[in-house]
Amino acid sequence: MKLPSGRLVRSRVITDPRTVLVDALDRALTGYAVLEPQDALLLDDEGAGVVTFEDGVPVVAYHTGTDRGGPPALADLAASGPYRLELYALAAADLAAVHDRDRFRVPPGMAAERLAGDQSLADRTRERAPADRLADSADRGTDEADRSASAVEAFLDDEEKIAAIREQARQQAHRRADEWGFDV
């Protein structure tokens, strides 16, 4: 997925993807966010997530490492922080071609639910979404569930990713045990 360059409005490291979703919603941003998760920063894992917004509402999700779009891309991006974030503003006309690709689209509140685990943010996002986006996501409910199940299955089949998460958890547990004076 190719996006034109936008105007950088925010660049920083964040610990929670909720930060970018709230920021985009509060700004009524039309543009996109690039989120590079901790796995890419620490484990040399390839890929970043891209989420586009129209008036602050997520429209498209894509993961550059797995080349998957839509709900599966959100599953690929769902990792523990920190994330390197770059948030760009871009004209709606420049995003039109990307937003027309159904396989990349996500229902309005899904990013808040999957990435941030925040139901109230998901509800706020749905309130801001145009009616045709809400109707579209309701019509595709079964397809969304099927794709979500496929995303979970794909994640569980990715033994390297699971091994990396286990190793990261093991290292973190050892680090905390050392901090607290426990013998490991």
N, C-alpha and C. Protein backbone atom coordinates (compact mmCIF):
# COMPACT_ATOMS: atom_id res chain seq x y z
N MET A 1 0.85 -1.17 0.00
CA MET A 1 0.00 0.00 0.00
C MET A 1 0.89 1.23 0.00
N LYS A 2 0.68 2.08 -0.97
CA LYS A 2 1.46 3.31 -1.08
C LYS A 2 0.60 4.49 -0.67
N LEU A 3 1.15 5.34 0.18
CA LEU A 3 0.48 6.57 0.59
C LEU A 3 1.34 7.75 0.20
N PRO A 4 0.70 8.84 -0.24
CA PRO A 4 1.48 10.04 -0.49
C PRO A 4 2.01 10.60 0.83
N SER A 5 3.08 11.34 0.75
CA SER A 5 3.63 11.95 1.96
C SER A 5 2.65 12.98 2.50
N GLY A 6 2.47 12.95 3.79
CA GLY A 6 1.61 13.92 4.45
C GLY A 6 2.45 14.91 5.24
N ARG A 7 1.77 15.79 5.95
CA ARG A 7 2.44 16.77 6.80
C ARG A 7 2.54 16.17 8.20
N LEU A 8 3.76 15.99 8.70
CA LEU A 8 3.98 15.41 10.02
C LEU A 8 3.39 16.32 11.09
N VAL A 9 2.50 15.76 11.92
CA VAL A 9 1.89 16.55 13.00
C VAL A 9 2.32 16.04 14.38
N ARG A 10 2.87 14.82 14.43
CA ARG A 10 3.33 14.29 15.71
C ARG A 10 4.30 13.14 15.46
N SER A 11 5.39 13.14 16.23
CA SER A 11 6.35 12.06 16.15
C SER A 11 6.91 11.84 17.55
N ARG A 12 6.73 10.62 18.06
CA ARG A 12 7.24 10.32 19.40
C ARG A 12 7.12 8.82 19.66
N VAL A 13 7.62 8.41 20.78
CA VAL A 13 7.46 7.03 21.23
C VAL A 13 6.30 7.03 22.23
N ILE A 14 5.38 6.11 22.04
CA ILE A 14 4.23 5.98 22.93
C ILE A 14 4.19 4.56 23.49
N THR A 15 3.54 4.41 24.63
CA THR A 15 3.43 3.08 25.22
C THR A 15 2.09 2.44 24.92
N ASP A 16 1.12 3.25 24.51
CA ASP A 16 -0.23 2.74 24.32
C ASP A 16 -0.79 3.29 23.01
N PRO A 17 -1.24 2.41 22.10
CA PRO A 17 -1.79 2.91 20.83
C PRO A 17 -3.06 3.74 21.03
N ARG A 18 -3.66 3.67 22.20
CA ARG A 18 -4.83 4.51 22.49
C ARG A 18 -4.47 5.99 22.27
N THR A 19 -3.24 6.35 22.59
CA THR A 19 -2.78 7.73 22.45
C THR A 19 -3.01 8.26 21.04
N VAL A 20 -2.62 7.51 20.03
CA VAL A 20 -2.76 7.97 18.66
C VAL A 20 -4.22 8.00 18.24
N LEU A 21 -5.01 7.03 18.70
CA LEU A 21 -6.43 6.99 18.33
C LEU A 21 -7.19 8.17 18.93
N VAL A 22 -6.89 8.50 20.18
CA VAL A 22 -7.53 9.66 20.83
C VAL A 22 -7.07 10.95 20.14
N ASP A 23 -5.77 11.04 19.87
CA ASP A 23 -5.24 12.24 19.22
C ASP A 23 -5.88 12.46 17.86
N ALA A 24 -5.98 11.42 17.06
CA ALA A 24 -6.59 11.55 15.73
C ALA A 24 -8.07 11.94 15.85
N LEU A 25 -8.78 11.34 16.79
CA LEU A 25 -10.20 11.65 16.97
C LEU A 25 -10.38 13.09 17.46
N ASP A 26 -9.59 13.50 18.44
CA ASP A 26 -9.70 14.87 18.97
C ASP A 26 -9.33 15.92 17.93
N ARG A 27 -8.37 15.62 17.07
CA ARG A 27 -7.98 16.56 16.01
C ARG A 27 -8.92 16.51 14.81
N ALA A 28 -9.81 15.50 14.78
CA ALA A 28 -10.62 15.23 13.59
C ALA A 28 -9.69 15.10 12.38
N LEU A 29 -8.61 14.36 12.60
CA LEU A 29 -7.54 14.23 11.61
C LEU A 29 -7.97 13.44 10.39
N THR A 30 -7.64 13.97 9.25
CA THR A 30 -7.68 13.21 8.01
C THR A 30 -6.21 13.03 7.63
N GLY A 31 -5.80 11.77 7.59
CA GLY A 31 -4.39 11.47 7.36
C GLY A 31 -4.11 10.04 7.75
N TYR A 32 -2.93 9.81 8.31
CA TYR A 32 -2.56 8.45 8.68
C TYR A 32 -1.53 8.44 9.80
N ALA A 33 -1.48 7.30 10.47
CA ALA A 33 -0.49 7.06 11.52
C ALA A 33 0.36 5.87 11.11
N VAL A 34 1.64 5.96 11.40
CA VAL A 34 2.55 4.84 11.22
C VAL A 34 3.01 4.44 12.62
N LEU A 35 2.70 3.20 12.99
CA LEU A 35 3.06 2.67 14.30
C LEU A 35 4.05 1.53 14.12
N GLU A 36 5.23 1.71 14.68
CA GLU A 36 6.23 0.65 14.63
C GLU A 36 6.33 0.06 16.03
N PRO A 37 5.87 -1.19 16.21
CA PRO A 37 5.80 -1.76 17.55
C PRO A 37 7.15 -2.17 18.12
N GLN A 38 7.13 -2.44 19.41
CA GLN A 38 8.30 -2.85 20.16
C GLN A 38 9.03 -4.01 19.50
N ASP A 39 8.30 -4.96 18.95
CA ASP A 39 8.95 -6.10 18.29
C ASP A 39 9.91 -5.62 17.22
N ALA A 40 9.50 -4.62 16.46
CA ALA A 40 10.36 -4.11 15.39
C ALA A 40 11.54 -3.34 15.98
N LEU A 41 11.30 -2.65 17.10
CA LEU A 41 12.37 -1.87 17.71
C LEU A 41 13.39 -2.75 18.41
N LEU A 42 12.92 -3.79 19.11
CA LEU A 42 13.81 -4.59 19.95
C LEU A 42 14.21 -5.93 19.34
N LEU A 43 13.33 -6.53 18.58
CA LEU A 43 13.58 -7.88 18.10
C LEU A 43 13.93 -7.93 16.62
N ASP A 44 14.20 -6.79 16.03
CA ASP A 44 14.51 -6.71 14.61
C ASP A 44 13.43 -7.33 13.75
N ASP A 45 12.21 -7.30 14.24
CA ASP A 45 11.07 -7.80 13.48
C ASP A 45 10.77 -6.78 12.40
N GLU A 46 10.36 -7.23 11.26
CA GLU A 46 10.07 -6.34 10.15
C GLU A 46 8.63 -5.86 10.22
N GLY A 47 8.43 -4.62 9.88
CA GLY A 47 7.08 -4.15 9.65
C GLY A 47 6.59 -3.12 10.63
N ALA A 48 5.67 -2.34 10.11
CA ALA A 48 4.99 -1.32 10.89
C ALA A 48 3.52 -1.36 10.49
N GLY A 49 2.71 -0.81 11.33
CA GLY A 49 1.29 -0.71 11.04
C GLY A 49 0.95 0.68 10.55
N VAL A 50 0.03 0.74 9.62
CA VAL A 50 -0.46 2.01 9.12
C VAL A 50 -1.97 2.02 9.31
N VAL A 51 -2.47 3.08 9.92
CA VAL A 51 -3.91 3.27 10.08
C VAL A 51 -4.24 4.62 9.49
N THR A 52 -5.20 4.64 8.57
CA THR A 52 -5.62 5.92 7.99
C THR A 52 -6.88 6.39 8.71
N PHE A 53 -7.09 7.70 8.67
CA PHE A 53 -8.22 8.33 9.35
C PHE A 53 -8.92 9.30 8.41
N GLU A 54 -10.21 9.40 8.57
CA GLU A 54 -10.99 10.45 7.92
C GLU A 54 -11.80 11.12 9.00
N ASP A 55 -11.54 12.40 9.23
CA ASP A 55 -12.17 13.16 10.32
C ASP A 55 -12.00 12.46 11.66
N GLY A 56 -10.84 11.84 11.89
CA GLY A 56 -10.53 11.20 13.16
C GLY A 56 -10.98 9.76 13.29
N VAL A 57 -11.72 9.26 12.31
CA VAL A 57 -12.27 7.90 12.36
C VAL A 57 -11.38 6.98 11.52
N PRO A 58 -10.87 5.87 12.12
CA PRO A 58 -10.06 4.94 11.34
C PRO A 58 -10.84 4.36 10.16
N VAL A 59 -10.17 4.27 9.01
CA VAL A 59 -10.81 3.74 7.80
C VAL A 59 -10.09 2.49 7.32
N VAL A 60 -8.76 2.54 7.28
CA VAL A 60 -7.96 1.47 6.70
C VAL A 60 -6.85 1.10 7.67
N ALA A 61 -6.53 -0.19 7.72
CA ALA A 61 -5.37 -0.66 8.48
C ALA A 61 -4.55 -1.57 7.56
N TYR A 62 -3.23 -1.46 7.68
CA TYR A 62 -2.33 -2.25 6.85
C TYR A 62 -1.05 -2.51 7.66
N HIS A 63 -0.49 -3.71 7.53
CA HIS A 63 0.77 -4.04 8.19
C HIS A 63 1.81 -4.30 7.11
N THR A 64 2.89 -3.53 7.14
CA THR A 64 3.90 -3.63 6.08
C THR A 64 4.70 -4.92 6.14
N GLY A 65 4.87 -5.50 7.32
CA GLY A 65 5.66 -6.72 7.45
C GLY A 65 4.93 -7.96 6.95
N THR A 66 3.62 -8.02 7.18
CA THR A 66 2.86 -9.21 6.79
C THR A 66 2.09 -9.00 5.49
N ASP A 67 2.05 -7.75 5.03
CA ASP A 67 1.32 -7.39 3.81
C ASP A 67 -0.16 -7.75 3.93
N ARG A 68 -0.70 -7.61 5.14
CA ARG A 68 -2.12 -7.87 5.34
C ARG A 68 -2.82 -6.57 5.67
N GLY A 69 -4.08 -6.50 5.25
CA GLY A 69 -4.88 -5.31 5.51
C GLY A 69 -6.14 -5.64 6.26
N GLY A 70 -6.84 -4.60 6.71
CA GLY A 70 -8.09 -4.77 7.42
C GLY A 70 -7.89 -5.32 8.82
N PRO A 71 -8.89 -6.03 9.35
CA PRO A 71 -8.79 -6.58 10.70
C PRO A 71 -7.54 -7.44 10.94
N PRO A 72 -7.09 -8.26 9.97
CA PRO A 72 -5.86 -9.02 10.23
C PRO A 72 -4.64 -8.11 10.47
N ALA A 73 -4.60 -6.95 9.84
CA ALA A 73 -3.50 -6.02 10.07
C ALA A 73 -3.52 -5.50 11.51
N LEU A 74 -4.73 -5.27 12.05
CA LEU A 74 -4.82 -4.84 13.45
C LEU A 74 -4.30 -5.94 14.37
N ALA A 75 -4.61 -7.20 14.04
CA ALA A 75 -4.10 -8.32 14.84
C ALA A 75 -2.58 -8.37 14.78
N ASP A 76 -2.00 -8.10 13.61
CA ASP A 76 -0.55 -8.09 13.47
C ASP A 76 0.08 -6.97 14.28
N LEU A 77 -0.63 -5.88 14.42
CA LEU A 77 -0.11 -4.71 15.12
C LEU A 77 -0.32 -4.79 16.62
N ALA A 78 -1.21 -5.65 17.07
CA ALA A 78 -1.54 -5.74 18.49
C ALA A 78 -0.38 -6.38 19.25
N ALA A 79 0.55 -5.57 19.66
CA ALA A 79 1.69 -6.01 20.47
C ALA A 79 1.81 -5.06 21.64
N SER A 80 2.55 -5.47 22.65
CA SER A 80 2.73 -4.55 23.76
C SER A 80 3.69 -3.44 23.35
N GLY A 81 3.50 -2.26 23.91
CA GLY A 81 4.31 -1.09 23.57
C GLY A 81 5.73 -1.25 24.08
N PRO A 82 6.57 -0.32 23.81
CA PRO A 82 6.29 0.97 23.19
C PRO A 82 6.20 0.89 21.68
N TYR A 83 5.65 1.94 21.11
CA TYR A 83 5.53 2.09 19.66
C TYR A 83 6.22 3.38 19.26
N ARG A 84 6.87 3.36 18.13
CA ARG A 84 7.33 4.61 17.52
C ARG A 84 6.17 5.09 16.66
N LEU A 85 5.70 6.30 16.91
CA LEU A 85 4.53 6.85 16.24
C LEU A 85 4.92 8.03 15.37
N GLU A 86 4.37 8.03 14.16
CA GLU A 86 4.41 9.21 13.31
C GLU A 86 2.99 9.42 12.82
N LEU A 87 2.47 10.62 13.04
CA LEU A 87 1.10 10.95 12.67
C LEU A 87 1.16 12.05 11.60
N TYR A 88 0.48 11.81 10.48
CA TYR A 88 0.54 12.72 9.34
C TYR A 88 -0.86 13.21 8.97
N ALA A 89 -0.95 14.48 8.60
CA ALA A 89 -2.18 15.03 8.04
C ALA A 89 -2.06 14.96 6.52
N LEU A 90 -3.18 14.67 5.87
CA LEU A 90 -3.19 14.51 4.42
C LEU A 90 -4.60 14.81 3.93
N ALA A 91 -4.71 15.39 2.76
CA ALA A 91 -6.02 15.71 2.20
C ALA A 91 -6.81 14.44 1.91
N ALA A 92 -8.12 14.50 2.14
CA ALA A 92 -9.00 13.35 1.92
C ALA A 92 -8.90 12.84 0.49
N ALA A 93 -8.75 13.74 -0.46
CA ALA A 93 -8.64 13.33 -1.87
C ALA A 93 -7.42 12.45 -2.10
N ASP A 94 -6.34 12.71 -1.34
CA ASP A 94 -5.12 11.91 -1.50
C ASP A 94 -5.26 10.51 -0.91
N LEU A 95 -6.25 10.33 -0.03
CA LEU A 95 -6.49 9.02 0.58
C LEU A 95 -7.60 8.24 -0.11
N ALA A 96 -8.30 8.86 -1.03
CA ALA A 96 -9.49 8.24 -1.64
C ALA A 96 -9.20 6.88 -2.26
N ALA A 97 -8.10 6.76 -2.99
CA ALA A 97 -7.79 5.48 -3.65
C ALA A 97 -7.54 4.37 -2.63
N VAL A 98 -6.89 4.69 -1.52
CA VAL A 98 -6.64 3.70 -0.47
C VAL A 98 -7.93 3.34 0.24
N HIS A 99 -8.75 4.34 0.51
CA HIS A 99 -10.00 4.11 1.24
C HIS A 99 -11.01 3.32 0.42
N ASP A 100 -10.84 3.26 -0.88
CA ASP A 100 -11.74 2.49 -1.73
C ASP A 100 -11.40 1.00 -1.78
N ARG A 101 -10.31 0.60 -1.17
CA ARG A 101 -9.89 -0.81 -1.21
C ARG A 101 -10.51 -1.55 -0.03
N ASP A 102 -11.55 -2.31 -0.30
CA ASP A 102 -12.32 -2.99 0.75
C ASP A 102 -11.47 -3.92 1.62
N ARG A 103 -10.48 -4.56 1.05
CA ARG A 103 -9.72 -5.53 1.84
C ARG A 103 -8.88 -4.87 2.93
N PHE A 104 -8.69 -3.55 2.87
CA PHE A 104 -7.93 -2.83 3.88
C PHE A 104 -8.83 -2.17 4.93
N ARG A 105 -10.12 -2.07 4.66
CA ARG A 105 -11.03 -1.30 5.53
C ARG A 105 -11.29 -2.01 6.85
N VAL A 106 -11.50 -1.19 7.87
CA VAL A 106 -11.87 -1.68 9.20
C VAL A 106 -13.10 -0.92 9.67
N PRO A 107 -13.97 -1.57 10.43
CA PRO A 107 -15.11 -0.85 11.01
C PRO A 107 -14.61 0.28 11.91
N PRO A 108 -15.38 1.34 12.07
CA PRO A 108 -14.92 2.53 12.79
C PRO A 108 -14.34 2.29 14.18
N GLY A 109 -14.97 1.47 15.00
CA GLY A 109 -14.50 1.30 16.37
C GLY A 109 -13.52 0.16 16.58
N MET A 110 -13.21 -0.59 15.54
CA MET A 110 -12.39 -1.79 15.70
C MET A 110 -10.97 -1.48 16.18
N ALA A 111 -10.35 -0.43 15.69
CA ALA A 111 -8.97 -0.11 16.12
C ALA A 111 -8.94 0.17 17.62
N ALA A 112 -9.94 0.90 18.12
CA ALA A 112 -9.99 1.21 19.56
C ALA A 112 -10.19 -0.07 20.37
N GLU A 113 -11.00 -0.97 19.86
CA GLU A 113 -11.24 -2.23 20.58
C GLU A 113 -10.03 -3.14 20.54
N ARG A 114 -9.43 -3.31 19.37
CA ARG A 114 -8.35 -4.29 19.20
C ARG A 114 -6.99 -3.79 19.66
N LEU A 115 -6.69 -2.51 19.39
CA LEU A 115 -5.37 -2.01 19.73
C LEU A 115 -5.31 -1.42 21.13
N ALA A 116 -6.41 -0.78 21.56
CA ALA A 116 -6.40 -0.09 22.84
C ALA A 116 -7.25 -0.79 23.90
N GLY A 117 -8.11 -1.71 23.49
CA GLY A 117 -8.99 -2.36 24.45
C GLY A 117 -9.90 -1.37 25.16
N ASP A 118 -10.32 -0.33 24.45
CA ASP A 118 -11.07 0.77 25.05
C ASP A 118 -12.45 0.88 24.42
N GLN A 119 -13.44 0.32 25.08
CA GLN A 119 -14.80 0.32 24.54
C GLN A 119 -15.39 1.73 24.47
N SER A 120 -15.10 2.58 25.45
CA SER A 120 -15.67 3.94 25.40
C SER A 120 -15.07 4.73 24.23
N LEU A 121 -13.80 4.53 23.94
CA LEU A 121 -13.19 5.18 22.77
C LEU A 121 -13.80 4.62 21.48
N ALA A 122 -14.05 3.32 21.46
CA ALA A 122 -14.69 2.72 20.28
C ALA A 122 -16.08 3.32 20.08
N ASP A 123 -16.83 3.50 21.16
CA ASP A 123 -18.16 4.10 21.07
C ASP A 123 -18.09 5.55 20.60
N ARG A 124 -17.13 6.31 21.14
CA ARG A 124 -16.94 7.72 20.70
C ARG A 124 -16.61 7.77 19.21
N THR A 125 -15.78 6.83 18.77
CA THR A 125 -15.38 6.79 17.36
C THR A 125 -16.57 6.47 16.48
N ARG A 126 -17.39 5.52 16.89
CA ARG A 126 -18.60 5.17 16.12
C ARG A 126 -19.57 6.35 16.05
N GLU A 127 -19.66 7.12 17.13
CA GLU A 127 -20.53 8.30 17.13
C GLU A 127 -20.08 9.32 16.08
N ARG A 128 -18.77 9.42 15.89
CA ARG A 128 -18.21 10.39 14.94
C ARG A 128 -18.29 9.88 13.50
N ALA A 129 -18.39 8.56 13.33
CA ALA A 129 -18.36 7.96 11.99
C ALA A 129 -19.61 8.32 11.19
N PRO A 130 -19.45 8.51 9.89
CA PRO A 130 -20.62 8.75 9.04
C PRO A 130 -21.52 7.51 9.02
N ALA A 131 -22.81 7.73 8.84
CA ALA A 131 -23.80 6.64 8.87
C ALA A 131 -23.48 5.54 7.87
N ASP A 132 -22.99 5.89 6.68
CA ASP A 132 -22.71 4.86 5.68
C ASP A 132 -21.58 3.93 6.13
N ARG A 133 -20.64 4.43 6.93
CA ARG A 133 -19.57 3.57 7.46
C ARG A 133 -20.12 2.60 8.50
N LEU A 134 -21.07 3.05 9.30
CA LEU A 134 -21.66 2.17 10.31
C LEU A 134 -22.50 1.09 9.66
N ALA A 135 -23.28 1.47 8.65
CA ALA A 135 -24.11 0.50 7.94
C ALA A 135 -23.22 -0.50 7.21
N ASP A 136 -22.15 -0.02 6.61
CA ASP A 136 -21.23 -0.89 5.89
C ASP A 136 -20.62 -1.93 6.81
N SER A 137 -20.21 -1.52 8.00
CA SER A 137 -19.58 -2.48 8.91
C SER A 137 -20.61 -3.47 9.46
N ALA A 138 -21.87 -3.05 9.62
CA ALA A 138 -22.91 -3.97 10.08
C ALA A 138 -23.21 -5.01 9.01
N ASP A 139 -23.23 -4.58 7.74
CA ASP A 139 -23.49 -5.51 6.65
C ASP A 139 -22.38 -6.55 6.52
N ARG A 140 -21.18 -6.18 6.91
CA ARG A 140 -20.05 -7.09 6.75
C ARG A 140 -19.72 -7.81 8.04
N GLY A 141 -20.62 -7.80 9.02
CA GLY A 141 -20.35 -8.39 10.32
C GLY A 141 -19.85 -9.81 10.26
N THR A 142 -20.49 -10.67 9.47
CA THR A 142 -20.06 -12.06 9.38
C THR A 142 -18.68 -12.16 8.75
N ASP A 143 -18.45 -11.39 7.69
CA ASP A 143 -17.13 -11.40 7.06
C ASP A 143 -16.07 -10.92 8.04
N GLU A 144 -16.38 -9.89 8.83
CA GLU A 144 -15.43 -9.36 9.81
C GLU A 144 -15.09 -10.45 10.82
N ALA A 145 -16.10 -11.17 11.30
CA ALA A 145 -15.85 -12.23 12.28
C ALA A 145 -14.98 -13.32 11.66
N ASP A 146 -15.26 -13.68 10.42
CA ASP A 146 -14.46 -14.69 9.74
C ASP A 146 -13.01 -14.22 9.59
N ARG A 147 -12.83 -12.96 9.18
CA ARG A 147 -11.48 -12.44 9.02
C ARG A 147 -10.77 -12.34 10.35
N SER A 148 -11.51 -11.96 11.41
CA SER A 148 -10.90 -11.87 12.74
C SER A 148 -10.43 -13.24 13.19
N ALA A 149 -11.26 -14.26 12.97
CA ALA A 149 -10.87 -15.62 13.33
C ALA A 149 -9.64 -16.04 12.54
N SER A 150 -9.59 -15.67 11.26
CA SER A 150 -8.43 -15.99 10.44
C SER A 150 -7.19 -15.29 10.95
N ALA A 151 -7.35 -14.04 11.41
CA ALA A 151 -6.21 -13.30 11.94
C ALA A 151 -5.67 -13.96 13.20
N VAL A 152 -6.57 -14.42 14.07
CA VAL A 152 -6.14 -15.11 15.29
C VAL A 152 -5.45 -16.42 14.93
N GLU A 153 -6.03 -17.17 14.00
CA GLU A 153 -5.41 -18.42 13.58
C GLU A 153 -4.03 -18.18 12.98
N ALA A 154 -3.91 -17.14 12.16
CA ALA A 154 -2.62 -16.83 11.55
C ALA A 154 -1.60 -16.46 12.61
N PHE A 155 -2.03 -15.70 13.61
CA PHE A 155 -1.13 -15.33 14.69
C PHE A 155 -0.67 -16.57 15.45
N LEU A 156 -1.61 -17.44 15.78
CA LEU A 156 -1.27 -18.63 16.54
C LEU A 156 -0.39 -19.60 15.74
N ASP A 157 -0.49 -19.55 14.41
CA ASP A 157 0.35 -20.40 13.56
C ASP A 157 1.75 -19.83 13.36
N ASP A 158 1.96 -18.57 13.73
CA ASP A 158 3.26 -17.92 13.55
C ASP A 158 4.16 -18.25 14.75
N GLU A 159 4.84 -19.38 14.67
CA GLU A 159 5.64 -19.87 15.78
C GLU A 159 6.78 -18.92 16.13
N GLU A 160 7.36 -18.25 15.14
CA GLU A 160 8.44 -17.31 15.41
C GLU A 160 7.96 -16.14 16.25
N LYS A 161 6.78 -15.61 15.92
CA LYS A 161 6.24 -14.48 16.66
C LYS A 161 5.92 -14.90 18.10
N ILE A 162 5.34 -16.07 18.27
CA ILE A 162 5.01 -16.55 19.61
C ILE A 162 6.29 -16.80 20.40
N ALA A 163 7.30 -17.37 19.77
CA ALA A 163 8.58 -17.61 20.45
C ALA A 163 9.22 -16.28 20.86
N ALA A 164 9.14 -15.28 20.01
CA ALA A 164 9.70 -13.97 20.32
C ALA A 164 8.96 -13.33 21.50
N ILE A 165 7.65 -13.48 21.54
CA ILE A 165 6.87 -12.93 22.66
C ILE A 165 7.22 -13.66 23.95
N ARG A 166 7.35 -14.98 23.88
CA ARG A 166 7.74 -15.74 25.07
C ARG A 166 9.12 -15.31 25.56
N GLU A 167 10.06 -15.16 24.66
CA GLU A 167 11.41 -14.76 25.04
C GLU A 167 11.40 -13.36 25.65
N GLN A 168 10.64 -12.47 25.08
CA GLN A 168 10.53 -11.11 25.60
C GLN A 168 9.94 -11.15 27.02
N ALA A 169 8.90 -11.96 27.23
CA ALA A 169 8.28 -12.09 28.55
C ALA A 169 9.27 -12.69 29.55
N ARG A 170 10.04 -13.68 29.11
CA ARG A 170 11.04 -14.32 29.97
C ARG A 170 12.09 -13.30 30.40
N GLN A 171 12.58 -12.50 29.45
CA GLN A 171 13.58 -11.49 29.77
C GLN A 171 13.03 -10.45 30.73
N GLN A 172 11.78 -10.05 30.50
CA GLN A 172 11.15 -9.07 31.38
C GLN A 172 10.96 -9.64 32.79
N ALA A 173 10.58 -10.91 32.89
CA ALA A 173 10.41 -11.55 34.20
C ALA A 173 11.75 -11.63 34.94
N HIS A 174 12.82 -11.98 34.23
CA HIS A 174 14.14 -12.02 34.86
C HIS A 174 14.57 -10.63 35.32
N ARG A 175 14.32 -9.63 34.50
CA ARG A 175 14.68 -8.25 34.85
C ARG A 175 13.93 -7.82 36.11
N ARG A 176 12.64 -8.12 36.18
CA ARG A 176 11.85 -7.74 37.35
C ARG A 176 12.29 -8.53 38.58
N ALA A 177 12.58 -9.79 38.41
CA ALA A 177 13.04 -10.60 39.53
C ALA A 177 14.33 -10.02 40.10
N ASP A 178 15.25 -9.60 39.22
CA ASP A 178 16.49 -8.97 39.66
C ASP A 178 16.20 -7.67 40.41
N GLU A 179 15.27 -6.87 39.89
CA GLU A 179 14.92 -5.60 40.53
C GLU A 179 14.35 -5.82 41.93
N TRP A 180 13.60 -6.88 42.09
CA TRP A 180 12.94 -7.14 43.36
C TRP A 180 13.78 -8.02 44.30
N GLY A 181 14.94 -8.43 43.85
CA GLY A 181 15.86 -9.19 44.69
C GLY A 181 15.53 -10.67 44.80
N PHE A 182 14.79 -11.22 43.86
CA PHE A 182 14.48 -12.65 43.86
C PHE A 182 15.57 -13.41 43.15
N ASP A 183 15.81 -14.66 43.59
CA ASP A 183 16.74 -15.54 42.90
C ASP A 183 16.01 -16.24 41.77
N VAL A 184 16.62 -16.29 40.61
CA VAL A 184 15.99 -16.93 39.47
C VAL A 184 16.73 -18.19 39.11
